[in-house]
Amino acid sequence: MAVAASNGAAFAQEKVRVQAQAESLGFQCRAAVRAAMKGPDCRMAIPPNATSHCNIPHIAEIESMDNKVAECVRRGGPGRQAKNQS
Protein backbone atom coordinates (compact mmCIF):
# COMPACT_ATOMS: atom_id res chain seq x y z
CA MET A 1 0.00 0.00 0.00
CA ALA A 2 2.83 2.41 0.85
CA VAL A 3 4.60 1.62 -2.42
CA ALA A 4 1.48 2.46 -4.42
CA ALA A 5 1.09 5.73 -2.52
CA SER A 6 4.71 6.70 -3.12
CA ASN A 7 4.44 5.78 -6.81
CA GLY A 8 1.31 7.92 -7.06
CA ALA A 9 3.08 10.84 -5.42
CA ALA A 10 6.09 10.44 -7.72
CA PHE A 11 3.81 10.33 -10.76
CA ALA A 12 2.00 13.49 -9.62
CA GLN A 13 5.31 15.31 -9.12
CA GLU A 14 6.53 14.23 -12.56
CA LYS A 15 3.25 15.38 -14.14
CA VAL A 16 3.61 18.82 -12.51
CA ARG A 17 7.25 19.07 -13.67
CA VAL A 18 6.37 18.18 -17.27
CA GLN A 19 3.43 20.61 -17.26
CA ALA A 20 5.67 23.41 -15.92
CA GLN A 21 8.21 22.73 -18.67
CA ALA A 22 5.46 22.85 -21.30
CA GLU A 23 4.12 26.14 -19.92
CA SER A 24 7.65 27.49 -19.83
CA LEU A 25 8.22 26.48 -23.45
CA GLY A 26 4.94 28.11 -24.44
CA PHE A 27 5.91 31.31 -22.64
CA GLN A 28 9.36 31.28 -24.27
CA CYS A 29 7.79 30.87 -27.70
CA ARG A 30 5.15 33.53 -27.03
CA ALA A 31 7.88 35.99 -25.99
CA ALA A 32 10.01 35.19 -29.05
CA VAL A 33 7.07 35.57 -31.44
CA ARG A 34 5.95 38.84 -29.82
CA ALA A 35 9.52 40.18 -30.18
CA ALA A 36 9.58 39.17 -33.84
CA MET A 37 6.26 40.91 -34.46
CA LYS A 38 6.65 44.02 -32.28
CA GLY A 39 10.39 44.48 -31.79
CA PRO A 40 13.06 43.28 -29.36
CA ASP A 41 11.86 45.46 -26.49
CA CYS A 42 8.61 43.44 -26.54
CA ARG A 43 10.27 40.10 -25.72
CA MET A 44 7.73 39.11 -23.07
CA ALA A 45 5.00 36.48 -22.89
CA ILE A 46 2.41 38.92 -21.55
CA PRO A 47 2.56 42.72 -21.94
CA PRO A 48 2.57 44.69 -18.67
CA ASN A 49 -0.73 46.48 -19.30
CA ALA A 50 -3.57 46.91 -21.79
CA THR A 51 -2.10 50.06 -23.35
CA SER A 52 1.40 48.65 -23.95
CA HIS A 53 2.73 49.02 -27.49
CA CYS A 54 3.62 45.31 -27.21
CA ASN A 55 -0.03 44.23 -27.34
CA ILE A 56 -1.25 42.43 -30.46
CA PRO A 57 -4.46 44.39 -31.16
CA HIS A 58 -6.00 42.91 -34.32
CA ILE A 59 -7.73 39.55 -34.68
CA ALA A 60 -5.68 38.65 -37.77
CA GLU A 61 -2.43 39.38 -35.91
CA ILE A 62 -3.62 37.35 -32.91
CA GLU A 63 -4.36 34.35 -35.14
CA SER A 64 -0.98 34.71 -36.82
CA MET A 65 0.76 34.97 -33.45
CA ASP A 66 -1.06 31.91 -32.11
CA ASN A 67 -0.06 29.89 -35.19
CA LYS A 68 3.58 30.99 -34.88
CA VAL A 69 3.63 30.15 -31.16
CA ALA A 70 2.20 26.67 -31.84
CA GLU A 71 4.79 26.13 -34.59
CA CYS A 72 7.57 27.23 -32.23
CA VAL A 73 6.39 24.81 -29.52
CA ARG A 74 6.24 21.95 -32.06
CA ARG A 75 9.85 22.72 -33.05
CA GLY A 76 10.92 22.49 -29.41
CA GLY A 77 11.36 26.16 -28.62
CA PRO A 78 12.66 29.45 -29.95
CA GLY A 79 15.79 29.29 -32.04
CA ARG A 80 15.22 25.71 -33.18
CA GLN A 81 15.04 24.82 -36.84
CA ALA A 82 11.87 23.47 -38.38
CA LYS A 83 11.87 19.69 -38.58
CA ASN A 84 12.14 18.35 -42.13
CA GLN A 85 9.08 16.42 -43.24
CA SER A 86 10.36 13.33 -45.09
PDB file of N, CA and C in Angstrom:
ATOM      1  N   MET A   1       0.820  -1.189   0.000  1.00  0.00           N
ATOM      2  CA  MET A   1       0.000   0.000   0.000  1.00  0.00           C
ATOM      3  C   MET A   1       0.871   1.263   0.000  1.00  0.00           C
ATOM      4  N   ALA A   2       1.951   1.256   0.782  1.00  0.00           N
ATOM      5  CA  ALA A   2       2.835   2.412   0.854  1.00  0.00           C
ATOM      6  C   ALA A   2       3.566   2.625  -0.469  1.00  0.00           C
ATOM      7  N   VAL A   3       3.920   1.516  -1.134  1.00  0.00           N
ATOM      8  CA  VAL A   3       4.605   1.622  -2.424  1.00  0.00           C
ATOM      9  C   VAL A   3       3.690   2.274  -3.449  1.00  0.00           C
ATOM     10  N   ALA A   4       2.430   1.873  -3.477  1.00  0.00           N
ATOM     11  CA  ALA A   4       1.480   2.460  -4.422  1.00  0.00           C
ATOM     12  C   ALA A   4       1.298   3.950  -4.149  1.00  0.00           C
ATOM     13  N   ALA A   5       1.254   4.318  -2.877  1.00  0.00           N
ATOM     14  CA  ALA A   5       1.094   5.733  -2.521  1.00  0.00           C
ATOM     15  C   ALA A   5       2.318   6.534  -2.954  1.00  0.00           C
ATOM     16  N   SER A   6       3.516   5.956  -2.725  1.00  0.00           N
ATOM     17  CA  SER A   6       4.714   6.703  -3.115  1.00  0.00           C
ATOM     18  C   SER A   6       4.830   6.776  -4.633  1.00  0.00           C
ATOM     19  N   ASN A   7       4.439   5.734  -5.347  1.00  0.00           N
ATOM     20  CA  ASN A   7       4.440   5.776  -6.811  1.00  0.00           C
ATOM     21  C   ASN A   7       3.453   6.818  -7.314  1.00  0.00           C
ATOM     22  N   GLY A   8       2.309   6.907  -6.690  1.00  0.00           N
ATOM     23  CA  GLY A   8       1.311   7.916  -7.065  1.00  0.00           C
ATOM     24  C   GLY A   8       1.831   9.321  -6.849  1.00  0.00           C
ATOM     25  N   ALA A   9       2.517   9.518  -5.716  1.00  0.00           N
ATOM     26  CA  ALA A   9       3.083  10.838  -5.418  1.00  0.00           C
ATOM     27  C   ALA A   9       4.181  11.183  -6.413  1.00  0.00           C
ATOM     28  N   ALA A  10       5.018  10.199  -6.748  1.00  0.00           N
ATOM     29  CA  ALA A  10       6.091  10.443  -7.722  1.00  0.00           C
ATOM     30  C   ALA A  10       5.505  10.769  -9.092  1.00  0.00           C
ATOM     31  N   PHE A  11       4.460  10.055  -9.470  1.00  0.00           N
ATOM     32  CA  PHE A  11       3.806  10.326 -10.757  1.00  0.00           C
ATOM     33  C   PHE A  11       3.224  11.731 -10.774  1.00  0.00           C
ATOM     34  N   ALA A  12       2.588  12.147  -9.691  1.00  0.00           N
ATOM     35  CA  ALA A  12       1.997  13.486  -9.617  1.00  0.00           C
ATOM     36  C   ALA A  12       3.074  14.559  -9.719  1.00  0.00           C
ATOM     37  N   GLN A  13       4.215  14.337  -9.047  1.00  0.00           N
ATOM     38  CA  GLN A  13       5.307  15.312  -9.118  1.00  0.00           C
ATOM     39  C   GLN A  13       5.869  15.395 -10.534  1.00  0.00           C
ATOM     40  N   GLU A  14       6.014  14.252 -11.192  1.00  0.00           N
ATOM     41  CA  GLU A  14       6.525  14.234 -12.564  1.00  0.00           C
ATOM     42  C   GLU A  14       5.556  14.958 -13.496  1.00  0.00           C
ATOM     43  N   LYS A  15       4.264  14.730 -13.312  1.00  0.00           N
ATOM     44  CA  LYS A  15       3.252  15.383 -14.138  1.00  0.00           C
ATOM     45  C   LYS A  15       3.334  16.903 -13.983  1.00  0.00           C
ATOM     46  N   VAL A  16       3.493  17.374 -12.764  1.00  0.00           N
ATOM     47  CA  VAL A  16       3.614  18.821 -12.511  1.00  0.00           C
ATOM     48  C   VAL A  16       4.876  19.367 -13.164  1.00  0.00           C
ATOM     49  N   ARG A  17       5.994  18.622 -13.073  1.00  0.00           N
ATOM     50  CA  ARG A  17       7.252  19.072 -13.669  1.00  0.00           C
ATOM     51  C   ARG A  17       7.139  19.181 -15.192  1.00  0.00           C
ATOM     52  N   VAL A  18       6.530  18.173 -15.815  1.00  0.00           N
ATOM     53  CA  VAL A  18       6.366  18.183 -17.271  1.00  0.00           C
ATOM     54  C   VAL A  18       5.438  19.321 -17.691  1.00  0.00           C
ATOM     55  N   GLN A  19       4.363  19.531 -16.940  1.00  0.00           N
ATOM     56  CA  GLN A  19       3.427  20.610 -17.259  1.00  0.00           C
ATOM     57  C   GLN A  19       4.119  21.968 -17.132  1.00  0.00           C
ATOM     58  N   ALA A  20       4.946  22.142 -16.102  1.00  0.00           N
ATOM     59  CA  ALA A  20       5.667  23.407 -15.918  1.00  0.00           C
ATOM     60  C   ALA A  20       6.629  23.643 -17.068  1.00  0.00           C
ATOM     61  N   GLN A  21       7.308  22.583 -17.529  1.00  0.00           N
ATOM     62  CA  GLN A  21       8.211  22.731 -18.672  1.00  0.00           C
ATOM     63  C   GLN A  21       7.440  23.138 -19.922  1.00  0.00           C
ATOM     64  N   ALA A  22       6.269  22.530 -20.131  1.00  0.00           N
ATOM     65  CA  ALA A  22       5.457  22.855 -21.305  1.00  0.00           C
ATOM     66  C   ALA A  22       4.995  24.302 -21.243  1.00  0.00           C
ATOM     67  N   GLU A  23       4.550  24.743 -20.065  1.00  0.00           N
ATOM     68  CA  GLU A  23       4.124  26.136 -19.921  1.00  0.00           C
ATOM     69  C   GLU A  23       5.310  27.062 -20.150  1.00  0.00           C
ATOM     70  N   SER A  24       6.451  26.685 -19.643  1.00  0.00           N
ATOM     71  CA  SER A  24       7.646  27.492 -19.826  1.00  0.00           C
ATOM     72  C   SER A  24       8.004  27.592 -21.305  1.00  0.00           C
ATOM     73  N   LEU A  25       7.932  26.482 -22.022  1.00  0.00           N
ATOM     74  CA  LEU A  25       8.222  26.477 -23.448  1.00  0.00           C
ATOM     75  C   LEU A  25       7.224  27.360 -24.193  1.00  0.00           C
ATOM     76  N   GLY A  26       5.959  27.268 -23.824  1.00  0.00           N
ATOM     77  CA  GLY A  26       4.937  28.111 -24.443  1.00  0.00           C
ATOM     78  C   GLY A  26       5.204  29.588 -24.194  1.00  0.00           C
ATOM     79  N   PHE A  27       5.610  29.923 -22.962  1.00  0.00           N
ATOM     80  CA  PHE A  27       5.906  31.314 -22.642  1.00  0.00           C
ATOM     81  C   PHE A  27       7.145  31.785 -23.404  1.00  0.00           C
ATOM     82  N   GLN A  28       8.163  30.918 -23.521  1.00  0.00           N
ATOM     83  CA  GLN A  28       9.359  31.285 -24.273  1.00  0.00           C
ATOM     84  C   GLN A  28       9.010  31.560 -25.732  1.00  0.00           C
ATOM     85  N   CYS A  29       8.187  30.696 -26.296  1.00  0.00           N
ATOM     86  CA  CYS A  29       7.792  30.873 -27.697  1.00  0.00           C
ATOM     87  C   CYS A  29       6.941  32.125 -27.865  1.00  0.00           C
ATOM     88  N   ARG A  30       6.004  32.355 -26.946  1.00  0.00           N
ATOM     89  CA  ARG A  30       5.147  33.533 -27.034  1.00  0.00           C
ATOM     90  C   ARG A  30       6.003  34.804 -26.974  1.00  0.00           C
ATOM     91  N   ALA A  31       6.998  34.820 -26.103  1.00  0.00           N
ATOM     92  CA  ALA A  31       7.881  35.988 -25.987  1.00  0.00           C
ATOM     93  C   ALA A  31       8.691  36.182 -27.268  1.00  0.00           C
ATOM     94  N   ALA A  32       9.203  35.097 -27.833  1.00  0.00           N
ATOM     95  CA  ALA A  32      10.005  35.194 -29.055  1.00  0.00           C
ATOM     96  C   ALA A  32       9.161  35.678 -30.230  1.00  0.00           C
ATOM     97  N   VAL A  33       7.952  35.169 -30.346  1.00  0.00           N
ATOM     98  CA  VAL A  33       7.068  35.572 -31.445  1.00  0.00           C
ATOM     99  C   VAL A  33       6.659  37.033 -31.278  1.00  0.00           C
ATOM    100  N   ARG A  34       6.332  37.434 -30.053  1.00  0.00           N
ATOM    101  CA  ARG A  34       5.954  38.837 -29.821  1.00  0.00           C
ATOM    102  C   ARG A  34       7.119  39.755 -30.180  1.00  0.00           C
ATOM    103  N   ALA A  35       8.340  39.364 -29.841  1.00  0.00           N
ATOM    104  CA  ALA A  35       9.521  40.176 -30.184  1.00  0.00           C
ATOM    105  C   ALA A  35       9.706  40.261 -31.693  1.00  0.00           C
ATOM    106  N   ALA A  36       9.453  39.155 -32.378  1.00  0.00           N
ATOM    107  CA  ALA A  36       9.585  39.168 -33.841  1.00  0.00           C
ATOM    108  C   ALA A  36       8.532  40.075 -34.479  1.00  0.00           C
ATOM    109  N   MET A  37       7.350  40.116 -33.888  1.00  0.00           N
ATOM    110  CA  MET A  37       6.262  40.913 -34.461  1.00  0.00           C
ATOM    111  C   MET A  37       6.315  42.381 -34.056  1.00  0.00           C
ATOM    112  N   LYS A  38       6.740  42.659 -32.816  1.00  0.00           N
ATOM    113  CA  LYS A  38       6.649  44.019 -32.279  1.00  0.00           C
ATOM    114  C   LYS A  38       7.990  44.667 -31.950  1.00  0.00           C
ATOM    115  N   GLY A  39       9.077  43.917 -32.076  1.00  0.00           N
ATOM    116  CA  GLY A  39      10.393  44.482 -31.794  1.00  0.00           C
ATOM    117  C   GLY A  39      11.015  43.862 -30.553  1.00  0.00           C
ATOM    118  N   PRO A  40      12.343  43.955 -30.440  1.00  0.00           N
ATOM    119  CA  PRO A  40      13.062  43.279 -29.365  1.00  0.00           C
ATOM    120  C   PRO A  40      12.705  43.756 -27.959  1.00  0.00           C
ATOM    121  N   ASP A  41      12.239  44.986 -27.828  1.00  0.00           N
ATOM    122  CA  ASP A  41      11.863  45.464 -26.491  1.00  0.00           C
ATOM    123  C   ASP A  41      10.535  44.856 -26.030  1.00  0.00           C
ATOM    124  N   CYS A  42       9.876  44.096 -26.890  1.00  0.00           N
ATOM    125  CA  CYS A  42       8.606  43.437 -26.538  1.00  0.00           C
ATOM    126  C   CYS A  42       8.794  41.942 -26.290  1.00  0.00           C
ATOM    127  N   ARG A  43      10.013  41.519 -25.980  1.00  0.00           N
ATOM    128  CA  ARG A  43      10.270  40.100 -25.724  1.00  0.00           C
ATOM    129  C   ARG A  43       9.721  39.747 -24.342  1.00  0.00           C
ATOM    130  N   MET A  44       8.423  39.484 -24.305  1.00  0.00           N
ATOM    131  CA  MET A  44       7.726  39.108 -23.072  1.00  0.00           C
ATOM    132  C   MET A  44       6.522  38.269 -23.463  1.00  0.00           C
ATOM    133  N   ALA A  45       6.149  37.339 -22.599  1.00  0.00           N
ATOM    134  CA  ALA A  45       5.000  36.483 -22.893  1.00  0.00           C
ATOM    135  C   ALA A  45       3.705  37.279 -22.801  1.00  0.00           C
ATOM    136  N   ILE A  46       3.623  38.143 -21.790  1.00  0.00           N
ATOM    137  CA  ILE A  46       2.409  38.925 -21.550  1.00  0.00           C
ATOM    138  C   ILE A  46       2.808  40.383 -21.347  1.00  0.00           C
ATOM    139  N   PRO A  47       2.232  41.298 -22.115  1.00  0.00           N
ATOM    140  CA  PRO A  47       2.556  42.719 -21.936  1.00  0.00           C
ATOM    141  C   PRO A  47       2.149  43.201 -20.539  1.00  0.00           C
ATOM    142  N   PRO A  48       2.814  44.239 -20.036  1.00  0.00           N
ATOM    143  CA  PRO A  48       2.573  44.692 -18.666  1.00  0.00           C
ATOM    144  C   PRO A  48       1.201  45.316 -18.431  1.00  0.00           C
ATOM    145  N   ASN A  49       0.592  45.867 -19.479  1.00  0.00           N
ATOM    146  CA  ASN A  49      -0.734  46.479 -19.305  1.00  0.00           C
ATOM    147  C   ASN A  49      -1.455  46.544 -20.647  1.00  0.00           C
ATOM    148  N   ALA A  50      -2.717  46.917 -20.593  1.00  0.00           N
ATOM    149  CA  ALA A  50      -3.566  46.910 -21.789  1.00  0.00           C
ATOM    150  C   ALA A  50      -3.175  47.966 -22.824  1.00  0.00           C
ATOM    151  N   THR A  51      -2.459  48.990 -22.414  1.00  0.00           N
ATOM    152  CA  THR A  51      -2.097  50.060 -23.348  1.00  0.00           C
ATOM    153  C   THR A  51      -0.663  49.928 -23.866  1.00  0.00           C
ATOM    154  N   SER A  52       0.011  48.862 -23.519  1.00  0.00           N
ATOM    155  CA  SER A  52       1.397  48.651 -23.949  1.00  0.00           C
ATOM    156  C   SER A  52       1.480  48.552 -25.472  1.00  0.00           C
ATOM    157  N   HIS A  53       2.532  49.123 -26.045  1.00  0.00           N
ATOM    158  CA  HIS A  53       2.735  49.016 -27.491  1.00  0.00           C
ATOM    159  C   HIS A  53       3.072  47.583 -27.898  1.00  0.00           C
ATOM    160  N   CYS A  54       3.301  46.713 -26.930  1.00  0.00           N
ATOM    161  CA  CYS A  54       3.622  45.314 -27.210  1.00  0.00           C
ATOM    162  C   CYS A  54       2.373  44.442 -27.378  1.00  0.00           C
ATOM    163  N   ASN A  55       1.202  44.990 -27.139  1.00  0.00           N
ATOM    164  CA  ASN A  55      -0.029  44.231 -27.343  1.00  0.00           C
ATOM    165  C   ASN A  55      -0.220  43.927 -28.827  1.00  0.00           C
ATOM    166  N   ILE A  56      -0.899  42.822 -29.092  1.00  0.00           N
ATOM    167  CA  ILE A  56      -1.248  42.434 -30.457  1.00  0.00           C
ATOM    168  C   ILE A  56      -2.739  42.760 -30.602  1.00  0.00           C
ATOM    169  N   PRO A  57      -3.085  43.885 -31.248  1.00  0.00           N
ATOM    170  CA  PRO A  57      -4.455  44.392 -31.165  1.00  0.00           C
ATOM    171  C   PRO A  57      -5.467  43.804 -32.149  1.00  0.00           C
ATOM    172  N   HIS A  58      -5.050  43.302 -33.282  1.00  0.00           N
ATOM    173  CA  HIS A  58      -6.003  42.907 -34.318  1.00  0.00           C
ATOM    174  C   HIS A  58      -6.184  41.392 -34.362  1.00  0.00           C
ATOM    175  N   ILE A  59      -7.397  40.973 -34.643  1.00  0.00           N
ATOM    176  CA  ILE A  59      -7.731  39.552 -34.682  1.00  0.00           C
ATOM    177  C   ILE A  59      -6.801  38.793 -35.630  1.00  0.00           C
ATOM    178  N   ALA A  60      -6.542  39.328 -36.803  1.00  0.00           N
ATOM    179  CA  ALA A  60      -5.681  38.647 -37.772  1.00  0.00           C
ATOM    180  C   ALA A  60      -4.269  38.476 -37.213  1.00  0.00           C
ATOM    181  N   GLU A  61      -3.762  39.489 -36.507  1.00  0.00           N
ATOM    182  CA  GLU A  61      -2.434  39.385 -35.906  1.00  0.00           C
ATOM    183  C   GLU A  61      -2.423  38.370 -34.765  1.00  0.00           C
ATOM    184  N   ILE A  62      -3.521  38.312 -34.018  1.00  0.00           N
ATOM    185  CA  ILE A  62      -3.621  37.351 -32.912  1.00  0.00           C
ATOM    186  C   ILE A  62      -3.599  35.930 -33.461  1.00  0.00           C
ATOM    187  N   GLU A  63      -4.353  35.683 -34.522  1.00  0.00           N
ATOM    188  CA  GLU A  63      -4.362  34.354 -35.143  1.00  0.00           C
ATOM    189  C   GLU A  63      -2.976  33.994 -35.656  1.00  0.00           C
ATOM    190  N   SER A  64      -2.323  34.944 -36.303  1.00  0.00           N
ATOM    191  CA  SER A  64      -0.980  34.708 -36.824  1.00  0.00           C
ATOM    192  C   SER A  64      -0.018  34.411 -35.683  1.00  0.00           C
ATOM    193  N   MET A  65      -0.107  35.185 -34.603  1.00  0.00           N
ATOM    194  CA  MET A  65       0.758  34.972 -33.449  1.00  0.00           C
ATOM    195  C   MET A  65       0.517  33.591 -32.855  1.00  0.00           C
ATOM    196  N   ASP A  66      -0.733  33.215 -32.676  1.00  0.00           N
ATOM    197  CA  ASP A  66      -1.056  31.906 -32.107  1.00  0.00           C
ATOM    198  C   ASP A  66      -0.492  30.781 -32.968  1.00  0.00           C
ATOM    199  N   ASN A  67      -0.600  30.912 -34.283  1.00  0.00           N
ATOM    200  CA  ASN A  67      -0.060  29.894 -35.186  1.00  0.00           C
ATOM    201  C   ASN A  67       1.468  29.813 -35.078  1.00  0.00           C
ATOM    202  N   LYS A  68       2.116  30.969 -34.994  1.00  0.00           N
ATOM    203  CA  LYS A  68       3.576  30.993 -34.880  1.00  0.00           C
ATOM    204  C   LYS A  68       4.041  30.419 -33.540  1.00  0.00           C
ATOM    205  N   VAL A  69       3.293  30.697 -32.479  1.00  0.00           N
ATOM    206  CA  VAL A  69       3.634  30.146 -31.159  1.00  0.00           C
ATOM    207  C   VAL A  69       3.494  28.625 -31.184  1.00  0.00           C
ATOM    208  N   ALA A  70       2.401  28.122 -31.754  1.00  0.00           N
ATOM    209  CA  ALA A  70       2.196  26.672 -31.840  1.00  0.00           C
ATOM    210  C   ALA A  70       3.304  26.012 -32.653  1.00  0.00           C
ATOM    211  N   GLU A  71       3.703  26.654 -33.747  1.00  0.00           N
ATOM    212  CA  GLU A  71       4.789  26.134 -34.586  1.00  0.00           C
ATOM    213  C   GLU A  71       6.105  26.100 -33.806  1.00  0.00           C
ATOM    214  N   CYS A  72       6.366  27.142 -33.042  1.00  0.00           N
ATOM    215  CA  CYS A  72       7.573  27.228 -32.225  1.00  0.00           C
ATOM    216  C   CYS A  72       7.600  26.107 -31.180  1.00  0.00           C
ATOM    217  N   VAL A  73       6.476  25.864 -30.524  1.00  0.00           N
ATOM    218  CA  VAL A  73       6.394  24.808 -29.516  1.00  0.00           C
ATOM    219  C   VAL A  73       6.633  23.448 -30.164  1.00  0.00           C
ATOM    220  N   ARG A  74       6.029  23.214 -31.343  1.00  0.00           N
ATOM    221  CA  ARG A  74       6.243  21.946 -32.056  1.00  0.00           C
ATOM    222  C   ARG A  74       7.714  21.733 -32.396  1.00  0.00           C
ATOM    223  N   ARG A  75       8.418  22.815 -32.720  1.00  0.00           N
ATOM    224  CA  ARG A  75       9.846  22.720 -33.053  1.00  0.00           C
ATOM    225  C   ARG A  75      10.688  22.442 -31.823  1.00  0.00           C
ATOM    226  N   GLY A  76      10.159  22.717 -30.641  1.00  0.00           N
ATOM    227  CA  GLY A  76      10.920  22.485 -29.414  1.00  0.00           C
ATOM    228  C   GLY A  76      11.431  23.751 -28.769  1.00  0.00           C
ATOM    229  N   GLY A  77      10.992  24.897 -29.258  1.00  0.00           N
ATOM    230  CA  GLY A  77      11.362  26.157 -28.619  1.00  0.00           C
ATOM    231  C   GLY A  77      11.941  27.166 -29.584  1.00  0.00           C
ATOM    232  N   PRO A  78      12.109  28.404 -29.102  1.00  0.00           N
ATOM    233  CA  PRO A  78      12.662  29.450 -29.947  1.00  0.00           C
ATOM    234  C   PRO A  78      14.098  29.137 -30.349  1.00  0.00           C
ATOM    235  N   GLY A  79      14.437  29.490 -31.565  1.00  0.00           N
ATOM    236  CA  GLY A  79      15.789  29.287 -32.044  1.00  0.00           C
ATOM    237  C   GLY A  79      16.051  27.907 -32.624  1.00  0.00           C
ATOM    238  N   ARG A  80      15.051  27.054 -32.615  1.00  0.00           N
ATOM    239  CA  ARG A  80      15.220  25.706 -33.177  1.00  0.00           C
ATOM    240  C   ARG A  80      14.746  25.708 -34.618  1.00  0.00           C
ATOM    241  N   GLN A  81      15.409  24.922 -35.429  1.00  0.00           N
ATOM    242  CA  GLN A  81      15.042  24.824 -36.840  1.00  0.00           C
ATOM    243  C   GLN A  81      13.789  23.977 -37.016  1.00  0.00           C
ATOM    244  N   ALA A  82      13.046  24.270 -38.045  1.00  0.00           N
ATOM    245  CA  ALA A  82      11.874  23.466 -38.376  1.00  0.00           C
ATOM    246  C   ALA A  82      12.329  22.059 -38.715  1.00  0.00           C
ATOM    247  N   LYS A  83      11.551  21.081 -38.276  1.00  0.00           N
ATOM    248  CA  LYS A  83      11.871  19.690 -38.578  1.00  0.00           C
ATOM    249  C   LYS A  83      11.507  19.396 -40.025  1.00  0.00           C
ATOM    250  N   ASN A  84      12.402  18.721 -40.724  1.00  0.00           N
ATOM    251  CA  ASN A  84      12.142  18.352 -42.127  1.00  0.00           C
ATOM    252  C   ASN A  84      11.095  17.264 -42.180  1.00  0.00           C
ATOM    253  N   GLN A  85      10.121  17.440 -43.031  1.00  0.00           N
ATOM    254  CA  GLN A  85       9.084  16.421 -43.243  1.00  0.00           C
ATOM    255  C   GLN A  85       9.543  15.509 -44.373  1.00  0.00           C
ATOM    256  N   SER A  86       9.878  14.254 -44.070  1.00  0.00           N
ATOM    257  CA  SER A  86      10.358  13.327 -45.094  1.00  0.00           C
ATOM    258  C   SER A  86       9.288  12.330 -45.453  1.00  0.00           C
TER     259      SER A  86
END
